[in-house]
PDB file of all heavy atoms in Angstrom:
ATOM      1  N   PHE A   1      93.507 207.061 193.524  1.00  0.00           N
ATOM      2  CA  PHE A   1      93.408 206.811 192.092  1.00  0.00           C
ATOM      3  C   PHE A   1      94.646 206.095 191.555  1.00  0.00           C
ATOM      4  O   PHE A   1      94.539 205.171 190.748  1.00  0.00           O
ATOM      5  CB  PHE A   1      93.183 208.121 191.338  1.00  0.00           C
ATOM      6  CG  PHE A   1      91.732 208.476 191.147  1.00  0.00           C
ATOM      7  CD1 PHE A   1      91.086 209.311 192.052  1.00  0.00           C
ATOM      8  CD2 PHE A   1      91.005 207.964 190.090  1.00  0.00           C
ATOM      9  CE1 PHE A   1      89.742 209.643 191.888  1.00  0.00           C
ATOM     10  CE2 PHE A   1      89.664 208.279 189.924  1.00  0.00           C
ATOM     11  CZ  PHE A   1      89.029 209.116 190.829  1.00  0.00           C
ATOM     12  N   VAL A   2      95.835 206.544 191.969  1.00  0.00           N
ATOM     13  CA  VAL A   2      97.057 205.966 191.396  1.00  0.00           C
ATOM     14  C   VAL A   2      97.323 204.553 191.879  1.00  0.00           C
ATOM     15  O   VAL A   2      98.248 203.896 191.400  1.00  0.00           O
ATOM     16  CB  VAL A   2      98.288 206.873 191.663  1.00  0.00           C
ATOM     17  CG1 VAL A   2      98.105 208.223 191.001  1.00  0.00           C
ATOM     18  CG2 VAL A   2      98.563 207.023 193.155  1.00  0.00           C
ATOM     19  N   ARG A   3      96.505 204.076 192.796  1.00  0.00           N
ATOM     20  CA  ARG A   3      96.610 202.661 193.178  1.00  0.00           C
ATOM     21  C   ARG A   3      95.911 201.757 192.168  1.00  0.00           C
ATOM     22  O   ARG A   3      96.082 200.544 192.190  1.00  0.00           O
ATOM     23  CB  ARG A   3      96.004 202.455 194.571  1.00  0.00           C
ATOM     24  CG  ARG A   3      96.907 202.978 195.693  1.00  0.00           C
ATOM     25  CD  ARG A   3      96.166 203.198 196.990  1.00  0.00           C
ATOM     26  NE  ARG A   3      95.446 202.027 197.466  1.00  0.00           N
ATOM     27  CZ  ARG A   3      94.707 202.018 198.582  1.00  0.00           C
ATOM     28  NH1 ARG A   3      94.618 203.123 199.304  1.00  0.00           N
ATOM     29  NH2 ARG A   3      94.083 200.932 198.962  1.00  0.00           N
ATOM     30  N   LEU A   4      95.121 202.342 191.274  1.00  0.00           N
ATOM     31  CA  LEU A   4      94.423 201.576 190.253  1.00  0.00           C
ATOM     32  C   LEU A   4      95.350 201.309 189.072  1.00  0.00           C
ATOM     33  O   LEU A   4      96.231 202.117 188.755  1.00  0.00           O
ATOM     34  CB  LEU A   4      93.185 202.334 189.780  1.00  0.00           C
ATOM     35  CG  LEU A   4      92.161 202.693 190.859  1.00  0.00           C
ATOM     36  CD1 LEU A   4      91.049 203.544 190.256  1.00  0.00           C
ATOM     37  CD2 LEU A   4      91.576 201.424 191.484  1.00  0.00           C
ATOM     38  N   LYS A   5      95.119 200.216 188.388  1.00  0.00           N
ATOM     39  CA  LYS A   5      95.980 199.813 187.273  1.00  0.00           C
ATOM     40  C   LYS A   5      96.016 200.871 186.183  1.00  0.00           C
ATOM     41  O   LYS A   5      97.089 201.186 185.639  1.00  0.00           O
ATOM     42  CB  LYS A   5      95.489 198.484 186.701  1.00  0.00           C
ATOM     43  CG  LYS A   5      96.346 197.944 185.562  1.00  0.00           C
ATOM     44  CD  LYS A   5      95.836 196.610 185.066  1.00  0.00           C
ATOM     45  CE  LYS A   5      96.699 196.090 183.926  1.00  0.00           C
ATOM     46  NZ  LYS A   5      96.197 194.776 183.425  1.00  0.00           N
ATOM     47  N   SER A   6      94.858 201.452 185.854  1.00  0.00           N
ATOM     48  CA  SER A   6      94.800 202.426 184.763  1.00  0.00           C
ATOM     49  C   SER A   6      95.494 203.736 185.113  1.00  0.00           C
ATOM     50  O   SER A   6      95.934 204.471 184.223  1.00  0.00           O
ATOM     51  CB  SER A   6      93.343 202.695 184.371  1.00  0.00           C
ATOM     52  OG  SER A   6      92.595 203.150 185.490  1.00  0.00           O
ATOM     53  N   TRP A   7      95.595 204.042 186.407  1.00  0.00           N
ATOM     54  CA  TRP A   7      96.206 205.298 186.842  1.00  0.00           C
ATOM     55  C   TRP A   7      97.637 205.128 187.332  1.00  0.00           C
ATOM     56  O   TRP A   7      98.345 206.119 187.494  1.00  0.00           O
ATOM     57  CB  TRP A   7      95.369 205.924 187.953  1.00  0.00           C
ATOM     58  CG  TRP A   7      94.214 206.734 187.464  1.00  0.00           C
ATOM     59  CD1 TRP A   7      93.113 206.285 186.793  1.00  0.00           C
ATOM     60  CD2 TRP A   7      94.038 208.149 187.592  1.00  0.00           C
ATOM     61  NE1 TRP A   7      92.264 207.315 186.500  1.00  0.00           N
ATOM     62  CE2 TRP A   7      92.790 208.480 186.983  1.00  0.00           C
ATOM     63  CE3 TRP A   7      94.777 209.172 188.173  1.00  0.00           C
ATOM     64  CZ2 TRP A   7      92.303 209.783 186.933  1.00  0.00           C
ATOM     65  CZ3 TRP A   7      94.301 210.475 188.133  1.00  0.00           C
ATOM     66  CH2 TRP A   7      93.074 210.763 187.514  1.00  0.00           C
ATOM     67  N   ALA A   8      98.075 203.927 187.561  1.00  0.00           N
ATOM     68  CA  ALA A   8      99.411 203.700 188.133  1.00  0.00           C
ATOM     69  C   ALA A   8     100.535 204.342 187.313  1.00  0.00           C
ATOM     70  O   ALA A   8     101.484 204.892 187.884  1.00  0.00           O
ATOM     71  CB  ALA A   8      99.659 202.206 188.306  1.00  0.00           C
ATOM     72  N   PRO A   9     100.485 204.309 185.964  1.00  0.00           N
ATOM     73  CA  PRO A   9     101.579 204.906 185.198  1.00  0.00           C
ATOM     74  C   PRO A   9     101.440 206.404 184.929  1.00  0.00           C
ATOM     75  O   PRO A   9     102.274 206.991 184.240  1.00  0.00           O
ATOM     76  CB  PRO A   9     101.533 204.120 183.876  1.00  0.00           C
ATOM     77  CG  PRO A   9     100.106 203.747 183.704  1.00  0.00           C
ATOM     78  CD  PRO A   9      99.548 203.566 185.093  1.00  0.00           C
ATOM     79  N   VAL A  10     100.402 207.049 185.465  1.00  0.00           N
ATOM     80  CA  VAL A  10     100.140 208.466 185.179  1.00  0.00           C
ATOM     81  C   VAL A  10     101.296 209.343 185.656  1.00  0.00           C
ATOM     82  O   VAL A  10     101.746 209.241 186.794  1.00  0.00           O
ATOM     83  CB  VAL A  10      98.814 208.911 185.835  1.00  0.00           C
ATOM     84  CG1 VAL A  10      98.707 210.434 185.866  1.00  0.00           C
ATOM     85  CG2 VAL A  10      97.635 208.312 185.086  1.00  0.00           C
ATOM     86  N   GLU A  11     101.758 210.216 184.755  1.00  0.00           N
ATOM     87  CA  GLU A  11     102.877 211.111 185.057  1.00  0.00           C
ATOM     88  C   GLU A  11     102.421 212.541 185.354  1.00  0.00           C
ATOM     89  O   GLU A  11     103.124 213.301 186.018  1.00  0.00           O
ATOM     90  CB  GLU A  11     103.844 211.139 183.868  1.00  0.00           C
ATOM     91  CG  GLU A  11     104.396 209.772 183.494  1.00  0.00           C
ATOM     92  CD  GLU A  11     104.959 209.767 182.081  1.00  0.00           C
ATOM     93  OE1 GLU A  11     106.026 210.377 181.884  1.00  0.00           O
ATOM     94  OE2 GLU A  11     104.336 209.172 181.186  1.00  0.00           O
ATOM     95  N   ARG A  12     101.253 212.921 184.810  1.00  0.00           N
ATOM     96  CA  ARG A  12     100.774 214.286 184.999  1.00  0.00           C
ATOM     97  C   ARG A  12      99.254 214.276 185.070  1.00  0.00           C
ATOM     98  O   ARG A  12      98.601 213.523 184.343  1.00  0.00           O
ATOM     99  CB  ARG A  12     101.236 215.179 183.852  1.00  0.00           C
ATOM    100  CG  ARG A  12     100.876 216.660 184.026  1.00  0.00           C
ATOM    101  CD  ARG A  12     101.467 217.485 182.887  1.00  0.00           C
ATOM    102  NE  ARG A  12     102.919 217.364 182.867  1.00  0.00           N
ATOM    103  CZ  ARG A  12     103.657 217.397 181.759  1.00  0.00           C
ATOM    104  NH1 ARG A  12     103.078 217.559 180.590  1.00  0.00           N
ATOM    105  NH2 ARG A  12     104.965 217.280 181.836  1.00  0.00           N
ATOM    106  N   ILE A  13      98.713 215.108 185.947  1.00  0.00           N
ATOM    107  CA  ILE A  13      97.262 215.227 186.091  1.00  0.00           C
ATOM    108  C   ILE A  13      96.860 216.670 185.836  1.00  0.00           C
ATOM    109  O   ILE A  13      97.349 217.592 186.501  1.00  0.00           O
ATOM    110  CB  ILE A  13      96.797 214.790 187.493  1.00  0.00           C
ATOM    111  CG1 ILE A  13      97.181 213.335 187.767  1.00  0.00           C
ATOM    112  CG2 ILE A  13      95.277 214.967 187.620  1.00  0.00           C
ATOM    113  CD1 ILE A  13      96.897 212.885 189.192  1.00  0.00           C
ATOM    114  N   VAL A  14      95.992 216.854 184.864  1.00  0.00           N
ATOM    115  CA  VAL A  14      95.403 218.164 184.596  1.00  0.00           C
ATOM    116  C   VAL A  14      94.170 218.305 185.488  1.00  0.00           C
ATOM    117  O   VAL A  14      93.335 217.404 185.532  1.00  0.00           O
ATOM    118  CB  VAL A  14      94.976 218.292 183.120  1.00  0.00           C
ATOM    119  CG1 VAL A  14      94.313 219.641 182.878  1.00  0.00           C
ATOM    120  CG2 VAL A  14      96.171 218.097 182.205  1.00  0.00           C
ATOM    121  N   VAL A  15      94.065 219.404 186.201  1.00  0.00           N
ATOM    122  CA  VAL A  15      92.913 219.627 187.073  1.00  0.00           C
ATOM    123  C   VAL A  15      92.068 220.746 186.475  1.00  0.00           C
ATOM    124  O   VAL A  15      92.541 221.874 186.302  1.00  0.00           O
ATOM    125  CB  VAL A  15      93.338 219.990 188.508  1.00  0.00           C
ATOM    126  CG1 VAL A  15      92.107 220.118 189.400  1.00  0.00           C
ATOM    127  CG2 VAL A  15      94.289 218.918 189.059  1.00  0.00           C
ATOM    128  N   GLY A  16      90.827 220.413 186.118  1.00  0.00           N
ATOM    129  CA  GLY A  16      89.929 221.376 185.515  1.00  0.00           C
ATOM    130  C   GLY A  16      88.668 221.546 186.328  1.00  0.00           C
ATOM    131  O   GLY A  16      88.637 221.292 187.532  1.00  0.00           O
ATOM    132  N   GLY A  17      87.600 221.937 185.663  1.00  0.00           N
ATOM    133  CA  GLY A  17      86.361 222.238 186.356  1.00  0.00           C
ATOM    134  C   GLY A  17      86.350 223.679 186.832  1.00  0.00           C
ATOM    135  O   GLY A  17      87.383 224.365 186.862  1.00  0.00           O
ATOM    136  N   GLY A  18      85.182 224.151 187.205  1.00  0.00           N
ATOM    137  CA  GLY A  18      85.027 225.548 187.600  1.00  0.00           C
ATOM    138  C   GLY A  18      85.907 225.973 188.764  1.00  0.00           C
ATOM    139  O   GLY A  18      86.342 227.131 188.830  1.00  0.00           O
ATOM    140  N   PHE A  19      86.213 225.072 189.674  1.00  0.00           N
ATOM    141  CA  PHE A  19      87.003 225.416 190.851  1.00  0.00           C
ATOM    142  C   PHE A  19      88.416 225.853 190.472  1.00  0.00           C
ATOM    143  O   PHE A  19      89.028 226.677 191.157  1.00  0.00           O
ATOM    144  CB  PHE A  19      87.055 224.226 191.806  1.00  0.00           C
ATOM    145  CG  PHE A  19      87.704 224.520 193.132  1.00  0.00           C
ATOM    146  CD1 PHE A  19      87.103 225.367 194.047  1.00  0.00           C
ATOM    147  CD2 PHE A  19      88.918 223.949 193.468  1.00  0.00           C
ATOM    148  CE1 PHE A  19      87.704 225.644 195.269  1.00  0.00           C
ATOM    149  CE2 PHE A  19      89.522 224.210 194.688  1.00  0.00           C
ATOM    150  CZ  PHE A  19      88.918 225.061 195.593  1.00  0.00           C
ATOM    151  N   SER A  20      88.942 225.298 189.364  1.00  0.00           N
ATOM    152  CA  SER A  20      90.307 225.634 188.959  1.00  0.00           C
ATOM    153  C   SER A  20      90.416 227.042 188.392  1.00  0.00           C
ATOM    154  O   SER A  20      91.513 227.579 188.252  1.00  0.00           O
ATOM    155  CB  SER A  20      90.816 224.627 187.922  1.00  0.00           C
ATOM    156  OG  SER A  20      90.084 224.728 186.715  1.00  0.00           O
ATOM    157  N   ASP A  21      89.269 227.653 188.080  1.00  0.00           N
ATOM    158  CA  ASP A  21      89.258 229.004 187.520  1.00  0.00           C
ATOM    159  C   ASP A  21      89.211 230.045 188.633  1.00  0.00           C
ATOM    160  O   ASP A  21      88.341 230.903 188.684  1.00  0.00           O
ATOM    161  CB  ASP A  21      88.061 229.171 186.577  1.00  0.00           C
ATOM    162  CG  ASP A  21      88.001 230.551 185.950  1.00  0.00           C
ATOM    163  OD1 ASP A  21      89.079 231.090 185.628  1.00  0.00           O
ATOM    164  OD2 ASP A  21      86.891 231.094 185.805  1.00  0.00           O
ATOM    165  N   SER A  22      90.135 229.962 189.550  1.00  0.00           N
ATOM    166  CA  SER A  22      90.223 230.920 190.657  1.00  0.00           C
ATOM    167  C   SER A  22      91.599 230.787 191.278  1.00  0.00           C
ATOM    168  O   SER A  22      92.276 229.759 191.151  1.00  0.00           O
ATOM    169  CB  SER A  22      89.156 230.634 191.726  1.00  0.00           C
ATOM    170  OG  SER A  22      89.377 229.377 192.342  1.00  0.00           O
ATOM    171  N   ARG A  23      92.040 231.837 191.937  1.00  0.00           N
ATOM    172  CA  ARG A  23      93.323 231.774 192.627  1.00  0.00           C
ATOM    173  C   ARG A  23      93.257 230.761 193.756  1.00  0.00           C
ATOM    174  O   ARG A  23      94.219 230.031 194.014  1.00  0.00           O
ATOM    175  CB  ARG A  23      93.679 233.156 193.176  1.00  0.00           C
ATOM    176  CG  ARG A  23      95.069 233.245 193.797  1.00  0.00           C
ATOM    177  CD  ARG A  23      96.140 232.966 192.781  1.00  0.00           C
ATOM    178  NE  ARG A  23      97.484 233.125 193.335  1.00  0.00           N
ATOM    179  CZ  ARG A  23      98.575 232.629 192.767  1.00  0.00           C
ATOM    180  NH1 ARG A  23      98.480 231.931 191.640  1.00  0.00           N
ATOM    181  NH2 ARG A  23      99.764 232.823 193.311  1.00  0.00           N
ATOM    182  N   VAL A  24      92.109 230.695 194.421  1.00  0.00           N
ATOM    183  CA  VAL A  24      91.923 229.717 195.495  1.00  0.00           C
ATOM    184  C   VAL A  24      92.107 228.300 194.964  1.00  0.00           C
ATOM    185  O   VAL A  24      92.841 227.486 195.542  1.00  0.00           O
ATOM    186  CB  VAL A  24      90.524 229.873 196.128  1.00  0.00           C
ATOM    187  CG1 VAL A  24      90.192 228.675 197.015  1.00  0.00           C
ATOM    188  CG2 VAL A  24      90.441 231.152 196.946  1.00  0.00           C
ATOM    189  N   GLY A  25      91.455 227.997 193.840  1.00  0.00           N
ATOM    190  CA  GLY A  25      91.573 226.661 193.259  1.00  0.00           C
ATOM    191  C   GLY A  25      92.981 226.346 192.812  1.00  0.00           C
ATOM    192  O   GLY A  25      93.488 225.239 193.035  1.00  0.00           O
ATOM    193  N   GLN A  26      93.640 227.308 192.191  1.00  0.00           N
ATOM    194  CA  GLN A  26      94.997 227.077 191.699  1.00  0.00           C
ATOM    195  C   GLN A  26      95.976 226.847 192.844  1.00  0.00           C
ATOM    196  O   GLN A  26      96.882 226.015 192.746  1.00  0.00           O
ATOM    197  CB  GLN A  26      95.429 228.254 190.829  1.00  0.00           C
ATOM    198  CG  GLN A  26      94.669 228.317 189.514  1.00  0.00           C
ATOM    199  CD  GLN A  26      94.791 229.651 188.827  1.00  0.00           C
ATOM    200  OE1 GLN A  26      95.528 230.545 189.269  1.00  0.00           O
ATOM    201  NE2 GLN A  26      94.066 229.814 187.727  1.00  0.00           N
ATOM    202  N   LEU A  27      95.797 227.581 193.948  1.00  0.00           N
ATOM    203  CA  LEU A  27      96.652 227.363 195.116  1.00  0.00           C
ATOM    204  C   LEU A  27      96.413 225.989 195.724  1.00  0.00           C
ATOM    205  O   LEU A  27      97.359 225.313 196.161  1.00  0.00           O
ATOM    206  CB  LEU A  27      96.405 228.450 196.166  1.00  0.00           C
ATOM    207  CG  LEU A  27      96.951 229.843 195.841  1.00  0.00           C
ATOM    208  CD1 LEU A  27      96.498 230.844 196.897  1.00  0.00           C
ATOM    209  CD2 LEU A  27      98.472 229.819 195.740  1.00  0.00           C
ATOM    210  N   ALA A  28      95.152 225.559 195.746  1.00  0.00           N
ATOM    211  CA  ALA A  28      94.836 224.229 196.276  1.00  0.00           C
ATOM    212  C   ALA A  28      95.476 223.144 195.418  1.00  0.00           C
ATOM    213  O   ALA A  28      96.020 222.161 195.936  1.00  0.00           O
ATOM    214  CB  ALA A  28      93.323 224.037 196.344  1.00  0.00           C
ATOM    215  N   ILE A  29      95.436 223.332 194.103  1.00  0.00           N
ATOM    216  CA  ILE A  29      96.054 222.359 193.191  1.00  0.00           C
ATOM    217  C   ILE A  29      97.566 222.330 193.395  1.00  0.00           C
ATOM    218  O   ILE A  29      98.182 221.261 193.492  1.00  0.00           O
ATOM    219  CB  ILE A  29      95.706 222.721 191.735  1.00  0.00           C
ATOM    220  CG1 ILE A  29      94.212 222.545 191.483  1.00  0.00           C
ATOM    221  CG2 ILE A  29      96.516 221.856 190.758  1.00  0.00           C
ATOM    222  CD1 ILE A  29      93.713 223.195 190.207  1.00  0.00           C
ATOM    223  N   GLY A  30      98.167 223.515 193.481  1.00  0.00           N
ATOM    224  CA  GLY A  30      99.607 223.579 193.693  1.00  0.00           C
ATOM    225  C   GLY A  30     100.031 222.963 195.011  1.00  0.00           C
ATOM    226  O   GLY A  30     101.026 222.234 195.093  1.00  0.00           O
ATOM    227  N   ARG A  31      99.258 223.235 196.056  1.00  0.00           N
ATOM    228  CA  ARG A  31      99.587 222.684 197.379  1.00  0.00           C
ATOM    229  C   ARG A  31      99.433 221.171 197.380  1.00  0.00           C
ATOM    230  O   ARG A  31     100.265 220.462 197.954  1.00  0.00           O
ATOM    231  CB  ARG A  31      98.677 223.323 198.434  1.00  0.00           C
ATOM    232  CG  ARG A  31      98.833 222.746 199.842  1.00  0.00           C
ATOM    233  CD  ARG A  31     100.229 222.952 200.407  1.00  0.00           C
ATOM    234  NE  ARG A  31     100.352 222.343 201.726  1.00  0.00           N
ATOM    235  CZ  ARG A  31     101.367 221.569 202.103  1.00  0.00           C
ATOM    236  NH1 ARG A  31     102.378 221.321 201.263  1.00  0.00           N
ATOM    237  NH2 ARG A  31     101.393 221.060 203.323  1.00  0.00           N
ATOM    238  N   ALA A  32      98.381 220.652 196.729  1.00  0.00           N
ATOM    239  CA  ALA A  32      98.203 219.198 196.653  1.00  0.00           C
ATOM    240  C   ALA A  32      99.380 218.554 195.935  1.00  0.00           C
ATOM    241  O   ALA A  32      99.844 217.461 196.314  1.00  0.00           O
ATOM    242  CB  ALA A  32      96.895 218.867 195.940  1.00  0.00           C
ATOM    243  N   GLY A  33      99.887 219.232 194.889  1.00  0.00           N
ATOM    244  CA  GLY A  33     101.050 218.712 194.176  1.00  0.00           C
ATOM    245  C   GLY A  33     102.273 218.614 195.068  1.00  0.00           C
ATOM    246  O   GLY A  33     103.034 217.637 194.996  1.00  0.00           O
ATOM    247  N   ILE A  34     102.473 219.621 195.915  1.00  0.00           N
ATOM    248  CA  ILE A  34     103.608 219.608 196.844  1.00  0.00           C
ATOM    249  C   ILE A  34     103.445 218.478 197.858  1.00  0.00           C
ATOM    250  O   ILE A  34     104.408 217.779 198.191  1.00  0.00           O
ATOM    251  CB  ILE A  34     103.743 220.969 197.540  1.00  0.00           C
ATOM    252  CG1 ILE A  34     104.183 222.037 196.526  1.00  0.00           C
ATOM    253  CG2 ILE A  34     104.727 220.893 198.710  1.00  0.00           C
ATOM    254  CD1 ILE A  34     104.208 223.445 197.078  1.00  0.00           C
ATOM    255  N   ILE A  35     102.241 218.300 198.364  1.00  0.00           N
ATOM    256  CA  ILE A  35     101.982 217.219 199.329  1.00  0.00           C
ATOM    257  C   ILE A  35     102.325 215.865 198.709  1.00  0.00           C
ATOM    258  O   ILE A  35     103.004 215.022 199.325  1.00  0.00           O
ATOM    259  CB  ILE A  35     100.501 217.233 199.779  1.00  0.00           C
ATOM    260  CG1 ILE A  35     100.217 218.494 200.587  1.00  0.00           C
ATOM    261  CG2 ILE A  35     100.169 215.991 200.598  1.00  0.00           C
ATOM    262  CD1 ILE A  35      98.738 218.736 200.834  1.00  0.00           C
ATOM    263  N   LEU A  36     101.889 215.648 197.484  1.00  0.00           N
ATOM    264  CA  LEU A  36     102.167 214.379 196.800  1.00  0.00           C
ATOM    265  C   LEU A  36     103.659 214.206 196.567  1.00  0.00           C
ATOM    266  O   LEU A  36     104.200 213.106 196.721  1.00  0.00           O
ATOM    267  CB  LEU A  36     101.408 214.326 195.475  1.00  0.00           C
ATOM    268  CG  LEU A  36      99.888 214.204 195.592  1.00  0.00           C
ATOM    269  CD1 LEU A  36      99.227 214.471 194.248  1.00  0.00           C
ATOM    270  CD2 LEU A  36      99.502 212.816 196.093  1.00  0.00           C
ATOM    271  N   SER A  37     104.327 215.299 196.189  1.00  0.00           N
ATOM    272  CA  SER A  37     105.759 215.222 195.937  1.00  0.00           C
ATOM    273  C   SER A  37     106.532 214.856 197.196  1.00  0.00           C
ATOM    274  O   SER A  37     107.443 214.018 197.163  1.00  0.00           O
ATOM    275  CB  SER A  37     106.259 216.564 195.400  1.00  0.00           C
ATOM    276  OG  SER A  37     107.659 216.542 195.192  1.00  0.00           O
ATOM    277  N   THR A  38     106.180 215.474 198.324  1.00  0.00           N
ATOM    278  CA  THR A  38     106.871 215.156 199.576  1.00  0.00           C
ATOM    279  C   THR A  38     106.575 213.736 200.047  1.00  0.00           C
ATOM    280  O   THR A  38     107.334 213.167 200.823  1.00  0.00           O
ATOM    281  CB  THR A  38     106.481 216.156 200.681  1.00  0.00           C
ATOM    282  OG1 THR A  38     105.057 216.147 200.856  1.00  0.00           O
ATOM    283  CG2 THR A  38     106.920 217.560 200.314  1.00  0.00           C
ATOM    284  N   ASP A  39     105.470 213.169 199.556  1.00  0.00           N
ATOM    285  CA  ASP A  39     105.139 211.780 199.871  1.00  0.00           C
ATOM    286  C   ASP A  39     105.841 210.791 198.949  1.00  0.00           C
ATOM    287  O   ASP A  39     105.684 209.570 199.087  1.00  0.00           O
ATOM    288  CB  ASP A  39     103.628 211.544 199.755  1.00  0.00           C
ATOM    289  CG  ASP A  39     102.856 212.158 200.912  1.00  0.00           C
ATOM    290  OD1 ASP A  39     103.507 212.563 201.891  1.00  0.00           O
ATOM    291  OD2 ASP A  39     101.615 212.240 200.827  1.00  0.00           O
ATOM    292  N   GLY A  40     106.562 211.313 197.962  1.00  0.00           N
ATOM    293  CA  GLY A  40     107.290 210.438 197.051  1.00  0.00           C
ATOM    294  C   GLY A  40     106.565 210.110 195.766  1.00  0.00           C
ATOM    295  O   GLY A  40     107.034 209.277 194.984  1.00  0.00           O
ATOM    296  N   HIS A  41     105.437 210.761 195.503  1.00  0.00           N
ATOM    297  CA  HIS A  41     104.692 210.523 194.258  1.00  0.00           C
ATOM    298  C   HIS A  41     105.214 211.473 193.177  1.00  0.00           C
ATOM    299  O   HIS A  41     105.131 212.689 193.315  1.00  0.00           O
ATOM    300  CB  HIS A  41     103.194 210.762 194.465  1.00  0.00           C
ATOM    301  CG  HIS A  41     102.544 209.760 195.361  1.00  0.00           C
ATOM    302  ND1 HIS A  41     102.179 208.505 194.938  1.00  0.00           N
ATOM    303  CD2 HIS A  41     102.206 209.824 196.675  1.00  0.00           C
ATOM    304  CE1 HIS A  41     101.630 207.839 195.942  1.00  0.00           C
ATOM    305  NE2 HIS A  41     101.641 208.626 197.012  1.00  0.00           N
TER     306      HIS A  41
END
């Protein structure tokens, strides 16, 4: 997504939907954030 022009300047992404309403979903979101951070995003 961030390779697209409209998403390139994005600083924060809110993750919603039913999956985020669980500890499993929140851990997945947090882990994805760490992966992106270690990649330099």
